[in-house]
Amino acid sequence: MTLLPIAATVALTLLGLPAGPRADLSSDYSSDLRAGQDVAGLRERGFYALALEQAEALADPTDRAREVLEVLYHAGDLAGALRVGLAGLEAYPRDRLLLWRSARLATDLAAAPLALDLTGRLAREAELMEADSGVDASTALWWLDMSSRMEEEAASLNRLRDEQGAAKSRSLWAAVVGLAVLAGFAGWGIKCNGPAQQTGRARS
């Protein structure tokens, strides 16, 4: 858990987000940037309610989704964080940070089909980055490697899910067959006892 804020910072850097306000930024963007820094500070100190309030007040909807997701994630509400990430992706389906965090959450929550979908989308975005001459090669490589590892993890999770489903199906089938065999033996026993009982009655 302690490495996650560092990982998020690295991802933000690789996304090309500015590290601090610049003189040519609009006042709204500068305000959002300062607010985002405030959110991170409050979150890191464990003031999640205040951090959430600050995050929800961000004007930019993408930044708002990212920051609310991070607050909920660090507060331990993984399902809530995933819902926020998915809602953000509905509006901004190619946002790499939302894809990355949402895919990670889906995998952690063992939502295999969703994890497969999100990691696949993230991998495609990474491939587009690699093909973009304007993107630094090391940045593109980082995203490619990371998305590849996440795809493998999601695929492994999906295989495990399929194996568990198959095992349950086999157990259910074995139970049905067992009951059918028992019912057959019971019926056979009744048939065998029937004539013997009737012979006994006739003799008496």
N, C-alpha and C. Protein backbone atom coordinates (compact mmCIF):
# COMPACT_ATOMS: atom_id res chain seq x y z
N MET A 1 0.83 -1.21 0.00
CA MET A 1 0.00 0.00 0.00
C MET A 1 0.86 1.25 0.00
N THR A 2 1.99 1.24 0.67
CA THR A 2 2.82 2.43 0.77
C THR A 2 3.44 2.81 -0.55
N LEU A 3 3.55 1.84 -1.47
CA LEU A 3 4.13 2.14 -2.77
C LEU A 3 3.14 2.75 -3.73
N LEU A 4 1.84 2.68 -3.42
CA LEU A 4 0.82 3.14 -4.37
C LEU A 4 0.88 4.64 -4.62
N PRO A 5 1.02 5.49 -3.59
CA PRO A 5 1.12 6.92 -3.89
C PRO A 5 2.30 7.22 -4.79
N ILE A 6 3.44 6.47 -4.58
CA ILE A 6 4.61 6.68 -5.44
C ILE A 6 4.28 6.28 -6.87
N ALA A 7 3.60 5.12 -6.99
CA ALA A 7 3.23 4.65 -8.33
C ALA A 7 2.32 5.64 -9.02
N ALA A 8 1.38 6.21 -8.26
CA ALA A 8 0.46 7.20 -8.84
C ALA A 8 1.23 8.43 -9.29
N THR A 9 2.21 8.85 -8.50
CA THR A 9 3.02 10.01 -8.87
C THR A 9 3.81 9.74 -10.14
N VAL A 10 4.39 8.53 -10.22
CA VAL A 10 5.12 8.15 -11.43
C VAL A 10 4.20 8.17 -12.64
N ALA A 11 2.99 7.62 -12.47
CA ALA A 11 2.04 7.59 -13.59
C ALA A 11 1.67 8.99 -14.03
N LEU A 12 1.45 9.87 -13.07
CA LEU A 12 1.11 11.25 -13.41
C LEU A 12 2.25 11.90 -14.19
N THR A 13 3.49 11.62 -13.76
CA THR A 13 4.64 12.16 -14.47
C THR A 13 4.72 11.63 -15.89
N LEU A 14 4.49 10.31 -16.02
CA LEU A 14 4.55 9.70 -17.35
C LEU A 14 3.41 10.16 -18.24
N LEU A 15 2.31 10.55 -17.64
CA LEU A 15 1.21 11.07 -18.43
C LEU A 15 1.51 12.46 -18.97
N GLY A 16 2.57 13.07 -18.45
CA GLY A 16 2.94 14.40 -18.90
C GLY A 16 2.21 15.51 -18.17
N LEU A 17 1.65 15.21 -17.00
CA LEU A 17 0.96 16.24 -16.25
C LEU A 17 1.99 17.16 -15.60
N PRO A 18 1.73 18.45 -15.54
CA PRO A 18 2.69 19.39 -14.99
C PRO A 18 2.88 19.17 -13.49
N ALA A 19 4.10 19.38 -13.03
CA ALA A 19 4.41 19.19 -11.62
C ALA A 19 4.00 20.38 -10.78
N GLY A 20 3.81 21.53 -11.37
CA GLY A 20 3.42 22.71 -10.60
C GLY A 20 2.84 23.76 -11.53
N PRO A 21 2.22 24.81 -10.99
CA PRO A 21 1.59 25.83 -11.82
C PRO A 21 2.62 26.63 -12.61
N ARG A 22 2.23 27.03 -13.82
CA ARG A 22 3.07 27.87 -14.66
C ARG A 22 2.35 29.19 -14.89
N ALA A 23 3.11 30.18 -15.26
CA ALA A 23 2.55 31.52 -15.40
C ALA A 23 1.53 31.58 -16.52
N ASP A 24 1.66 30.71 -17.57
CA ASP A 24 0.77 30.80 -18.71
C ASP A 24 -0.50 29.96 -18.54
N LEU A 25 -0.68 29.30 -17.39
CA LEU A 25 -1.88 28.51 -17.17
C LEU A 25 -3.06 29.43 -16.91
N SER A 26 -4.25 28.95 -17.32
CA SER A 26 -5.46 29.71 -17.01
C SER A 26 -5.69 29.70 -15.52
N SER A 27 -6.45 30.66 -15.03
CA SER A 27 -6.70 30.74 -13.59
C SER A 27 -7.45 29.51 -13.09
N ASP A 28 -8.40 28.99 -13.91
CA ASP A 28 -9.16 27.80 -13.50
C ASP A 28 -8.24 26.60 -13.39
N TYR A 29 -7.34 26.45 -14.36
CA TYR A 29 -6.44 25.30 -14.34
C TYR A 29 -5.48 25.40 -13.16
N SER A 30 -4.97 26.61 -12.93
CA SER A 30 -4.07 26.82 -11.80
C SER A 30 -4.77 26.52 -10.50
N SER A 31 -6.04 26.92 -10.41
CA SER A 31 -6.81 26.67 -9.20
C SER A 31 -7.02 25.18 -8.99
N ASP A 32 -7.35 24.47 -10.08
CA ASP A 32 -7.53 23.02 -10.00
C ASP A 32 -6.22 22.33 -9.61
N LEU A 33 -5.11 22.82 -10.15
CA LEU A 33 -3.82 22.22 -9.86
C LEU A 33 -3.49 22.37 -8.38
N ARG A 34 -3.70 23.57 -7.85
CA ARG A 34 -3.44 23.78 -6.43
C ARG A 34 -4.37 22.93 -5.59
N ALA A 35 -5.64 22.85 -6.01
CA ALA A 35 -6.61 22.04 -5.27
C ALA A 35 -6.22 20.57 -5.31
N GLY A 36 -5.73 20.12 -6.47
CA GLY A 36 -5.29 18.74 -6.59
C GLY A 36 -4.13 18.44 -5.66
N GLN A 37 -3.22 19.40 -5.54
CA GLN A 37 -2.11 19.23 -4.60
C GLN A 37 -2.61 19.20 -3.17
N ASP A 38 -3.61 20.01 -2.87
CA ASP A 38 -4.22 20.00 -1.54
C ASP A 38 -4.86 18.64 -1.26
N VAL A 39 -5.56 18.09 -2.27
CA VAL A 39 -6.20 16.78 -2.11
C VAL A 39 -5.16 15.72 -1.79
N ALA A 40 -4.06 15.73 -2.55
CA ALA A 40 -3.00 14.74 -2.32
C ALA A 40 -2.43 14.87 -0.92
N GLY A 41 -2.21 16.10 -0.48
CA GLY A 41 -1.67 16.31 0.86
C GLY A 41 -2.60 15.81 1.95
N LEU A 42 -3.88 16.13 1.81
CA LEU A 42 -4.85 15.68 2.80
C LEU A 42 -4.98 14.16 2.78
N ARG A 43 -4.96 13.59 1.59
CA ARG A 43 -5.08 12.14 1.45
C ARG A 43 -3.90 11.42 2.10
N GLU A 44 -2.70 11.93 1.86
CA GLU A 44 -1.51 11.30 2.41
C GLU A 44 -1.47 11.38 3.94
N ARG A 45 -2.13 12.41 4.49
CA ARG A 45 -2.17 12.54 5.96
C ARG A 45 -3.36 11.80 6.56
N GLY A 46 -4.18 11.16 5.71
CA GLY A 46 -5.30 10.37 6.21
C GLY A 46 -6.57 11.16 6.46
N PHE A 47 -6.63 12.41 6.00
CA PHE A 47 -7.84 13.23 6.16
C PHE A 47 -8.75 12.99 4.96
N TYR A 48 -9.32 11.80 4.90
CA TYR A 48 -10.03 11.39 3.69
C TYR A 48 -11.31 12.18 3.44
N ALA A 49 -12.04 12.51 4.48
CA ALA A 49 -13.29 13.27 4.29
C ALA A 49 -13.00 14.64 3.69
N LEU A 50 -11.98 15.31 4.23
CA LEU A 50 -11.61 16.63 3.70
C LEU A 50 -11.05 16.50 2.28
N ALA A 51 -10.25 15.46 2.06
CA ALA A 51 -9.69 15.25 0.73
C ALA A 51 -10.80 14.99 -0.29
N LEU A 52 -11.80 14.21 0.10
CA LEU A 52 -12.91 13.92 -0.80
C LEU A 52 -13.69 15.18 -1.12
N GLU A 53 -13.90 16.01 -0.11
CA GLU A 53 -14.61 17.27 -0.33
C GLU A 53 -13.86 18.15 -1.31
N GLN A 54 -12.54 18.23 -1.15
CA GLN A 54 -11.72 19.03 -2.07
C GLN A 54 -11.75 18.43 -3.48
N ALA A 55 -11.67 17.11 -3.56
CA ALA A 55 -11.64 16.45 -4.87
C ALA A 55 -12.94 16.68 -5.63
N GLU A 56 -14.05 16.57 -4.92
CA GLU A 56 -15.35 16.73 -5.57
C GLU A 56 -15.60 18.17 -6.01
N ALA A 57 -14.82 19.11 -5.49
CA ALA A 57 -14.99 20.52 -5.85
C ALA A 57 -14.15 20.92 -7.06
N LEU A 58 -13.32 20.01 -7.57
CA LEU A 58 -12.48 20.33 -8.73
C LEU A 58 -13.35 20.63 -9.94
N ALA A 59 -12.97 21.67 -10.69
CA ALA A 59 -13.78 22.09 -11.83
C ALA A 59 -13.63 21.14 -13.02
N ASP A 60 -12.42 20.67 -13.26
CA ASP A 60 -12.19 19.79 -14.41
C ASP A 60 -12.73 18.39 -14.10
N PRO A 61 -13.64 17.87 -14.93
CA PRO A 61 -14.27 16.58 -14.62
C PRO A 61 -13.30 15.40 -14.64
N THR A 62 -12.28 15.45 -15.50
CA THR A 62 -11.30 14.36 -15.53
C THR A 62 -10.47 14.36 -14.26
N ASP A 63 -9.97 15.54 -13.87
CA ASP A 63 -9.21 15.65 -12.62
C ASP A 63 -10.07 15.25 -11.44
N ARG A 64 -11.34 15.64 -11.49
CA ARG A 64 -12.25 15.29 -10.38
C ARG A 64 -12.40 13.78 -10.25
N ALA A 65 -12.61 13.10 -11.38
CA ALA A 65 -12.75 11.64 -11.34
C ALA A 65 -11.47 10.99 -10.83
N ARG A 66 -10.32 11.47 -11.31
CA ARG A 66 -9.05 10.89 -10.88
C ARG A 66 -8.84 11.05 -9.37
N GLU A 67 -9.07 12.27 -8.89
CA GLU A 67 -8.78 12.55 -7.49
C GLU A 67 -9.77 11.86 -6.55
N VAL A 68 -11.05 11.86 -6.93
CA VAL A 68 -12.05 11.18 -6.09
C VAL A 68 -11.72 9.69 -6.03
N LEU A 69 -11.35 9.11 -7.18
CA LEU A 69 -10.96 7.70 -7.21
C LEU A 69 -9.80 7.44 -6.24
N GLU A 70 -8.78 8.29 -6.30
CA GLU A 70 -7.60 8.09 -5.45
C GLU A 70 -7.95 8.19 -3.97
N VAL A 71 -8.80 9.15 -3.62
CA VAL A 71 -9.19 9.31 -2.21
C VAL A 71 -9.92 8.06 -1.73
N LEU A 72 -10.90 7.62 -2.51
CA LEU A 72 -11.68 6.43 -2.12
C LEU A 72 -10.78 5.20 -2.04
N TYR A 73 -9.85 5.09 -2.99
CA TYR A 73 -8.95 3.95 -2.99
C TYR A 73 -8.10 3.92 -1.72
N HIS A 74 -7.49 5.03 -1.40
CA HIS A 74 -6.62 5.07 -0.23
C HIS A 74 -7.42 4.98 1.07
N ALA A 75 -8.69 5.35 1.02
CA ALA A 75 -9.54 5.22 2.20
C ALA A 75 -10.03 3.78 2.39
N GLY A 76 -9.79 2.93 1.39
CA GLY A 76 -10.18 1.52 1.49
C GLY A 76 -11.49 1.16 0.82
N ASP A 77 -12.13 2.13 0.17
CA ASP A 77 -13.40 1.85 -0.52
C ASP A 77 -13.08 1.48 -1.97
N LEU A 78 -12.64 0.25 -2.18
CA LEU A 78 -12.21 -0.17 -3.51
C LEU A 78 -13.37 -0.22 -4.50
N ALA A 79 -14.51 -0.73 -4.05
CA ALA A 79 -15.67 -0.82 -4.94
C ALA A 79 -16.14 0.59 -5.34
N GLY A 80 -16.15 1.51 -4.38
CA GLY A 80 -16.55 2.88 -4.69
C GLY A 80 -15.57 3.54 -5.64
N ALA A 81 -14.28 3.29 -5.43
CA ALA A 81 -13.26 3.85 -6.32
C ALA A 81 -13.43 3.32 -7.74
N LEU A 82 -13.73 2.03 -7.85
CA LEU A 82 -13.93 1.44 -9.18
C LEU A 82 -15.15 2.05 -9.86
N ARG A 83 -16.22 2.27 -9.12
CA ARG A 83 -17.42 2.89 -9.71
C ARG A 83 -17.09 4.28 -10.25
N VAL A 84 -16.32 5.04 -9.50
CA VAL A 84 -15.93 6.39 -9.95
C VAL A 84 -15.06 6.29 -11.20
N GLY A 85 -14.12 5.35 -11.20
CA GLY A 85 -13.26 5.18 -12.36
C GLY A 85 -14.04 4.81 -13.61
N LEU A 86 -15.00 3.91 -13.47
CA LEU A 86 -15.81 3.49 -14.62
C LEU A 86 -16.70 4.63 -15.12
N ALA A 87 -17.23 5.41 -14.17
CA ALA A 87 -18.04 6.57 -14.57
C ALA A 87 -17.18 7.58 -15.32
N GLY A 88 -15.95 7.79 -14.85
CA GLY A 88 -15.05 8.70 -15.55
C GLY A 88 -14.70 8.20 -16.93
N LEU A 89 -14.56 6.89 -17.08
CA LEU A 89 -14.20 6.32 -18.38
C LEU A 89 -15.37 6.38 -19.36
N GLU A 90 -16.58 6.46 -18.85
CA GLU A 90 -17.72 6.63 -19.77
C GLU A 90 -17.60 7.95 -20.50
N ALA A 91 -17.14 8.97 -19.80
CA ALA A 91 -16.99 10.29 -20.41
C ALA A 91 -15.64 10.44 -21.11
N TYR A 92 -14.60 9.80 -20.57
CA TYR A 92 -13.24 9.94 -21.10
C TYR A 92 -12.63 8.54 -21.26
N PRO A 93 -13.08 7.79 -22.26
CA PRO A 93 -12.71 6.37 -22.38
C PRO A 93 -11.24 6.11 -22.65
N ARG A 94 -10.48 7.13 -23.04
CA ARG A 94 -9.07 6.93 -23.36
C ARG A 94 -8.13 7.50 -22.31
N ASP A 95 -8.67 7.91 -21.19
CA ASP A 95 -7.82 8.47 -20.14
C ASP A 95 -6.98 7.34 -19.53
N ARG A 96 -5.67 7.42 -19.72
CA ARG A 96 -4.81 6.32 -19.31
C ARG A 96 -4.76 6.14 -17.80
N LEU A 97 -4.78 7.20 -17.05
CA LEU A 97 -4.70 7.06 -15.60
C LEU A 97 -5.97 6.40 -15.05
N LEU A 98 -7.13 6.80 -15.57
CA LEU A 98 -8.37 6.17 -15.15
C LEU A 98 -8.41 4.70 -15.57
N LEU A 99 -7.93 4.41 -16.78
CA LEU A 99 -7.87 3.02 -17.24
C LEU A 99 -6.94 2.19 -16.35
N TRP A 100 -5.78 2.74 -16.06
CA TRP A 100 -4.79 2.03 -15.24
C TRP A 100 -5.34 1.71 -13.86
N ARG A 101 -5.86 2.72 -13.17
CA ARG A 101 -6.33 2.50 -11.81
C ARG A 101 -7.58 1.61 -11.81
N SER A 102 -8.50 1.83 -12.75
CA SER A 102 -9.72 1.02 -12.79
C SER A 102 -9.39 -0.44 -13.10
N ALA A 103 -8.45 -0.67 -14.01
CA ALA A 103 -8.03 -2.04 -14.32
C ALA A 103 -7.41 -2.70 -13.09
N ARG A 104 -6.59 -1.95 -12.36
CA ARG A 104 -5.97 -2.48 -11.15
C ARG A 104 -7.04 -2.85 -10.11
N LEU A 105 -8.03 -1.99 -9.96
CA LEU A 105 -9.10 -2.24 -9.00
C LEU A 105 -9.94 -3.44 -9.41
N ALA A 106 -10.26 -3.53 -10.69
CA ALA A 106 -11.06 -4.66 -11.17
C ALA A 106 -10.33 -5.98 -10.92
N THR A 107 -9.02 -5.98 -11.12
CA THR A 107 -8.23 -7.19 -10.87
C THR A 107 -8.20 -7.51 -9.39
N ASP A 108 -7.97 -6.50 -8.56
CA ASP A 108 -7.91 -6.72 -7.11
C ASP A 108 -9.25 -7.22 -6.56
N LEU A 109 -10.34 -6.79 -7.18
CA LEU A 109 -11.67 -7.21 -6.73
C LEU A 109 -12.13 -8.49 -7.43
N ALA A 110 -11.23 -9.10 -8.20
CA ALA A 110 -11.51 -10.38 -8.88
C ALA A 110 -12.67 -10.27 -9.86
N ALA A 111 -12.87 -9.10 -10.45
CA ALA A 111 -13.88 -8.93 -11.49
C ALA A 111 -13.21 -9.25 -12.83
N ALA A 112 -13.05 -10.54 -13.11
CA ALA A 112 -12.20 -10.99 -14.21
C ALA A 112 -12.60 -10.44 -15.59
N PRO A 113 -13.87 -10.54 -16.01
CA PRO A 113 -14.22 -10.02 -17.34
C PRO A 113 -13.95 -8.53 -17.47
N LEU A 114 -14.28 -7.77 -16.42
CA LEU A 114 -14.03 -6.33 -16.45
C LEU A 114 -12.54 -6.05 -16.50
N ALA A 115 -11.77 -6.78 -15.71
CA ALA A 115 -10.31 -6.59 -15.70
C ALA A 115 -9.72 -6.87 -17.08
N LEU A 116 -10.19 -7.92 -17.74
CA LEU A 116 -9.72 -8.24 -19.09
C LEU A 116 -10.02 -7.11 -20.07
N ASP A 117 -11.23 -6.58 -19.98
CA ASP A 117 -11.63 -5.49 -20.88
C ASP A 117 -10.77 -4.25 -20.65
N LEU A 118 -10.61 -3.87 -19.39
CA LEU A 118 -9.88 -2.64 -19.08
C LEU A 118 -8.39 -2.76 -19.39
N THR A 119 -7.80 -3.91 -19.07
CA THR A 119 -6.37 -4.07 -19.37
C THR A 119 -6.14 -4.12 -20.88
N GLY A 120 -7.09 -4.70 -21.62
CA GLY A 120 -6.98 -4.70 -23.07
C GLY A 120 -7.04 -3.30 -23.64
N ARG A 121 -7.93 -2.50 -23.12
CA ARG A 121 -8.05 -1.10 -23.56
C ARG A 121 -6.79 -0.31 -23.21
N LEU A 122 -6.26 -0.57 -22.02
CA LEU A 122 -5.03 0.12 -21.60
C LEU A 122 -3.86 -0.28 -22.50
N ALA A 123 -3.78 -1.55 -22.86
CA ALA A 123 -2.71 -2.01 -23.75
C ALA A 123 -2.79 -1.34 -25.12
N ARG A 124 -4.02 -1.17 -25.61
CA ARG A 124 -4.19 -0.50 -26.91
C ARG A 124 -3.74 0.95 -26.84
N GLU A 125 -4.04 1.61 -25.73
CA GLU A 125 -3.59 3.00 -25.56
C GLU A 125 -2.07 3.07 -25.51
N ALA A 126 -1.46 2.08 -24.85
CA ALA A 126 -0.01 2.05 -24.77
C ALA A 126 0.60 1.85 -26.16
N GLU A 127 -0.03 1.02 -26.99
CA GLU A 127 0.46 0.79 -28.35
C GLU A 127 0.35 2.06 -29.19
N LEU A 128 -0.72 2.81 -28.97
CA LEU A 128 -0.87 4.08 -29.68
C LEU A 128 0.20 5.07 -29.25
N MET A 129 0.55 5.03 -27.97
CA MET A 129 1.63 5.90 -27.49
C MET A 129 2.95 5.56 -28.17
N GLU A 130 3.21 4.25 -28.31
CA GLU A 130 4.46 3.81 -28.93
C GLU A 130 4.54 4.29 -30.38
N ALA A 131 3.40 4.32 -31.06
CA ALA A 131 3.38 4.74 -32.46
C ALA A 131 3.41 6.25 -32.63
N ASP A 132 3.22 6.99 -31.54
CA ASP A 132 3.19 8.45 -31.58
C ASP A 132 4.61 8.99 -31.47
N SER A 133 5.07 9.63 -32.52
CA SER A 133 6.45 10.15 -32.53
C SER A 133 6.64 11.27 -31.51
N GLY A 134 5.55 11.85 -31.05
CA GLY A 134 5.66 12.93 -30.08
C GLY A 134 5.80 12.46 -28.64
N VAL A 135 5.69 11.16 -28.42
CA VAL A 135 5.79 10.61 -27.08
C VAL A 135 7.19 10.07 -26.85
N ASP A 136 7.78 10.40 -25.72
CA ASP A 136 9.10 9.92 -25.37
C ASP A 136 9.12 8.39 -25.36
N ALA A 137 10.16 7.80 -25.93
CA ALA A 137 10.24 6.34 -26.07
C ALA A 137 10.22 5.63 -24.71
N SER A 138 10.89 6.19 -23.71
CA SER A 138 10.93 5.55 -22.40
C SER A 138 9.55 5.58 -21.73
N THR A 139 8.81 6.66 -21.98
CA THR A 139 7.46 6.76 -21.43
C THR A 139 6.56 5.70 -22.06
N ALA A 140 6.63 5.59 -23.39
CA ALA A 140 5.82 4.59 -24.09
C ALA A 140 6.19 3.18 -23.64
N LEU A 141 7.47 2.92 -23.45
CA LEU A 141 7.92 1.60 -23.03
C LEU A 141 7.40 1.27 -21.63
N TRP A 142 7.40 2.24 -20.74
CA TRP A 142 6.88 2.02 -19.38
C TRP A 142 5.42 1.58 -19.44
N TRP A 143 4.63 2.30 -20.23
CA TRP A 143 3.21 1.96 -20.34
C TRP A 143 3.01 0.61 -21.01
N LEU A 144 3.81 0.30 -22.01
CA LEU A 144 3.70 -1.00 -22.68
C LEU A 144 4.00 -2.14 -21.72
N ASP A 145 5.10 -2.02 -20.97
CA ASP A 145 5.49 -3.07 -20.03
C ASP A 145 4.44 -3.24 -18.94
N MET A 146 4.00 -2.12 -18.38
CA MET A 146 3.03 -2.17 -17.30
C MET A 146 1.70 -2.76 -17.76
N SER A 147 1.22 -2.31 -18.92
CA SER A 147 -0.08 -2.81 -19.41
C SER A 147 0.02 -4.30 -19.78
N SER A 148 1.19 -4.73 -20.29
CA SER A 148 1.37 -6.14 -20.61
C SER A 148 1.30 -7.00 -19.36
N ARG A 149 1.95 -6.57 -18.29
CA ARG A 149 1.90 -7.32 -17.03
C ARG A 149 0.48 -7.39 -16.48
N MET A 150 -0.24 -6.29 -16.60
CA MET A 150 -1.61 -6.25 -16.09
C MET A 150 -2.52 -7.14 -16.93
N GLU A 151 -2.29 -7.18 -18.24
CA GLU A 151 -3.07 -8.08 -19.10
C GLU A 151 -2.85 -9.54 -18.71
N GLU A 152 -1.61 -9.90 -18.45
CA GLU A 152 -1.30 -11.27 -18.04
C GLU A 152 -1.97 -11.62 -16.72
N GLU A 153 -1.96 -10.69 -15.80
CA GLU A 153 -2.59 -10.93 -14.50
C GLU A 153 -4.09 -11.11 -14.64
N ALA A 154 -4.72 -10.27 -15.47
CA ALA A 154 -6.16 -10.37 -15.69
C ALA A 154 -6.50 -11.68 -16.39
N ALA A 155 -5.66 -12.10 -17.36
CA ALA A 155 -5.91 -13.36 -18.05
C ALA A 155 -5.78 -14.54 -17.09
N SER A 156 -4.80 -14.48 -16.19
CA SER A 156 -4.63 -15.53 -15.19
C SER A 156 -5.82 -15.59 -14.27
N LEU A 157 -6.31 -14.42 -13.87
CA LEU A 157 -7.50 -14.37 -13.02
C LEU A 157 -8.71 -14.97 -13.73
N ASN A 158 -8.84 -14.69 -15.01
CA ASN A 158 -9.97 -15.21 -15.78
C ASN A 158 -9.88 -16.73 -15.93
N ARG A 159 -8.66 -17.25 -16.14
CA ARG A 159 -8.49 -18.70 -16.23
C ARG A 159 -8.87 -19.37 -14.91
N LEU A 160 -8.44 -18.77 -13.81
CA LEU A 160 -8.77 -19.31 -12.49
C LEU A 160 -10.27 -19.31 -12.28
N ARG A 161 -10.92 -18.25 -12.71
CA ARG A 161 -12.38 -18.16 -12.59
C ARG A 161 -13.05 -19.27 -13.40
N ASP A 162 -12.56 -19.50 -14.63
CA ASP A 162 -13.13 -20.55 -15.47
C ASP A 162 -12.91 -21.93 -14.85
N GLU A 163 -11.72 -22.15 -14.29
CA GLU A 163 -11.42 -23.44 -13.66
C GLU A 163 -12.32 -23.68 -12.46
N GLN A 164 -12.53 -22.63 -11.67
CA GLN A 164 -13.40 -22.77 -10.50
C GLN A 164 -14.84 -23.06 -10.94
N GLY A 165 -15.28 -22.38 -12.01
CA GLY A 165 -16.62 -22.63 -12.54
C GLY A 165 -16.76 -24.04 -13.04
N ALA A 166 -15.73 -24.53 -13.73
CA ALA A 166 -15.77 -25.90 -14.24
C ALA A 166 -15.78 -26.91 -13.10
N ALA A 167 -15.00 -26.63 -12.05
CA ALA A 167 -14.96 -27.53 -10.88
C ALA A 167 -16.32 -27.58 -10.20
N LYS A 168 -16.98 -26.44 -10.08
CA LYS A 168 -18.31 -26.41 -9.48
C LYS A 168 -19.31 -27.19 -10.33
N SER A 169 -19.19 -27.03 -11.66
CA SER A 169 -20.09 -27.77 -12.55
C SER A 169 -19.89 -29.27 -12.42
N ARG A 170 -18.60 -29.68 -12.33
CA ARG A 170 -18.33 -31.11 -12.17
C ARG A 170 -18.87 -31.64 -10.85
N SER A 171 -18.72 -30.84 -9.79
CA SER A 171 -19.23 -31.27 -8.48
C SER A 171 -20.75 -31.40 -8.50
N LEU A 172 -21.41 -30.43 -9.15
CA LEU A 172 -22.86 -30.48 -9.25
C LEU A 172 -23.30 -31.69 -10.05
N TRP A 173 -22.60 -31.96 -11.17
CA TRP A 173 -22.96 -33.10 -12.02
C TRP A 173 -22.75 -34.41 -11.26
N ALA A 174 -21.65 -34.48 -10.50
CA ALA A 174 -21.39 -35.69 -9.71
C ALA A 174 -22.47 -35.90 -8.66
N ALA A 175 -22.93 -34.81 -8.06
CA ALA A 175 -23.99 -34.91 -7.05
C ALA A 175 -25.30 -35.38 -7.68
N VAL A 176 -25.62 -34.87 -8.87
CA VAL A 176 -26.85 -35.27 -9.57
C VAL A 176 -26.78 -36.76 -9.94
N VAL A 177 -25.61 -37.17 -10.47
CA VAL A 177 -25.45 -38.58 -10.84
C VAL A 177 -25.55 -39.47 -9.61
N GLY A 178 -24.93 -39.02 -8.51
CA GLY A 178 -25.00 -39.79 -7.27
C GLY A 178 -26.41 -39.96 -6.77
N LEU A 179 -27.19 -38.88 -6.82
CA LEU A 179 -28.59 -38.97 -6.40
C LEU A 179 -29.38 -39.90 -7.31
N ALA A 180 -29.08 -39.81 -8.62
CA ALA A 180 -29.78 -40.69 -9.56
C ALA A 180 -29.46 -42.16 -9.29
N VAL A 181 -28.20 -42.45 -8.99
CA VAL A 181 -27.81 -43.82 -8.69
C VAL A 181 -28.50 -44.31 -7.42
N LEU A 182 -28.51 -43.45 -6.39
CA LEU A 182 -29.18 -43.81 -5.15
C LEU A 182 -30.67 -44.06 -5.37
N ALA A 183 -31.28 -43.19 -6.18
CA ALA A 183 -32.70 -43.36 -6.48
C ALA A 183 -32.93 -44.67 -7.23
N GLY A 184 -31.98 -45.02 -8.14
CA GLY A 184 -32.10 -46.26 -8.88
C GLY A 184 -32.00 -47.48 -7.97
N PHE A 185 -31.04 -47.43 -7.03
CA PHE A 185 -30.90 -48.53 -6.07
C PHE A 185 -32.15 -48.66 -5.19
N ALA A 186 -32.68 -47.51 -4.81
CA ALA A 186 -33.88 -47.53 -3.96
C ALA A 186 -35.04 -48.15 -4.72
N GLY A 187 -35.19 -47.78 -5.99
CA GLY A 187 -36.26 -48.35 -6.80
C GLY A 187 -36.08 -49.84 -7.01
N TRP A 188 -34.83 -50.24 -7.24
CA TRP A 188 -34.53 -51.65 -7.43
C TRP A 188 -34.84 -52.44 -6.16
N GLY A 189 -34.51 -51.84 -5.02
CA GLY A 189 -34.79 -52.49 -3.74
C GLY A 189 -36.29 -52.69 -3.53
N ILE A 190 -37.06 -51.69 -3.90
CA ILE A 190 -38.51 -51.78 -3.73
C ILE A 190 -39.07 -52.90 -4.61
N LYS A 191 -38.55 -52.96 -5.85
CA LYS A 191 -39.03 -53.99 -6.77
C LYS A 191 -38.68 -55.39 -6.26
N CYS A 192 -37.47 -55.51 -5.71
CA CYS A 192 -37.04 -56.81 -5.20
C CYS A 192 -37.82 -57.23 -3.96
N ASN A 193 -38.11 -56.28 -3.12
CA ASN A 193 -38.83 -56.59 -1.88
C ASN A 193 -40.31 -56.86 -2.13
N GLY A 194 -40.83 -56.26 -3.16
CA GLY A 194 -42.26 -56.39 -3.44
C GLY A 194 -42.71 -57.84 -3.62
N PRO A 195 -42.15 -58.61 -4.54
CA PRO A 195 -42.55 -60.02 -4.74
C PRO A 195 -42.31 -60.86 -3.49
N ALA A 196 -41.17 -60.61 -2.80
CA ALA A 196 -40.87 -61.39 -1.60
C ALA A 196 -41.95 -61.15 -0.54
N GLN A 197 -42.37 -59.90 -0.40
CA GLN A 197 -43.41 -59.60 0.60
C GLN A 197 -44.73 -60.24 0.20
N GLN A 198 -45.01 -60.18 -1.08
CA GLN A 198 -46.28 -60.77 -1.54
C GLN A 198 -46.26 -62.29 -1.35
N THR A 199 -45.09 -62.96 -1.58
CA THR A 199 -44.97 -64.41 -1.37
C THR A 199 -45.15 -64.76 0.10
N GLY A 200 -44.56 -63.90 0.95
CA GLY A 200 -44.73 -64.12 2.38
C GLY A 200 -46.16 -64.02 2.82
N ARG A 201 -46.88 -63.06 2.26
CA ARG A 201 -48.30 -62.89 2.63
C ARG A 201 -49.10 -64.09 2.15
N ALA A 202 -48.76 -64.58 0.93
CA ALA A 202 -49.50 -65.72 0.38
C ALA A 202 -49.31 -66.95 1.22
N ARG A 203 -48.09 -67.15 1.74
CA ARG A 203 -47.82 -68.31 2.57
C ARG A 203 -48.52 -68.24 3.91
N SER A 204 -48.62 -66.99 4.43
CA SER A 204 -49.30 -66.85 5.71
C SER A 204 -50.80 -67.03 5.53
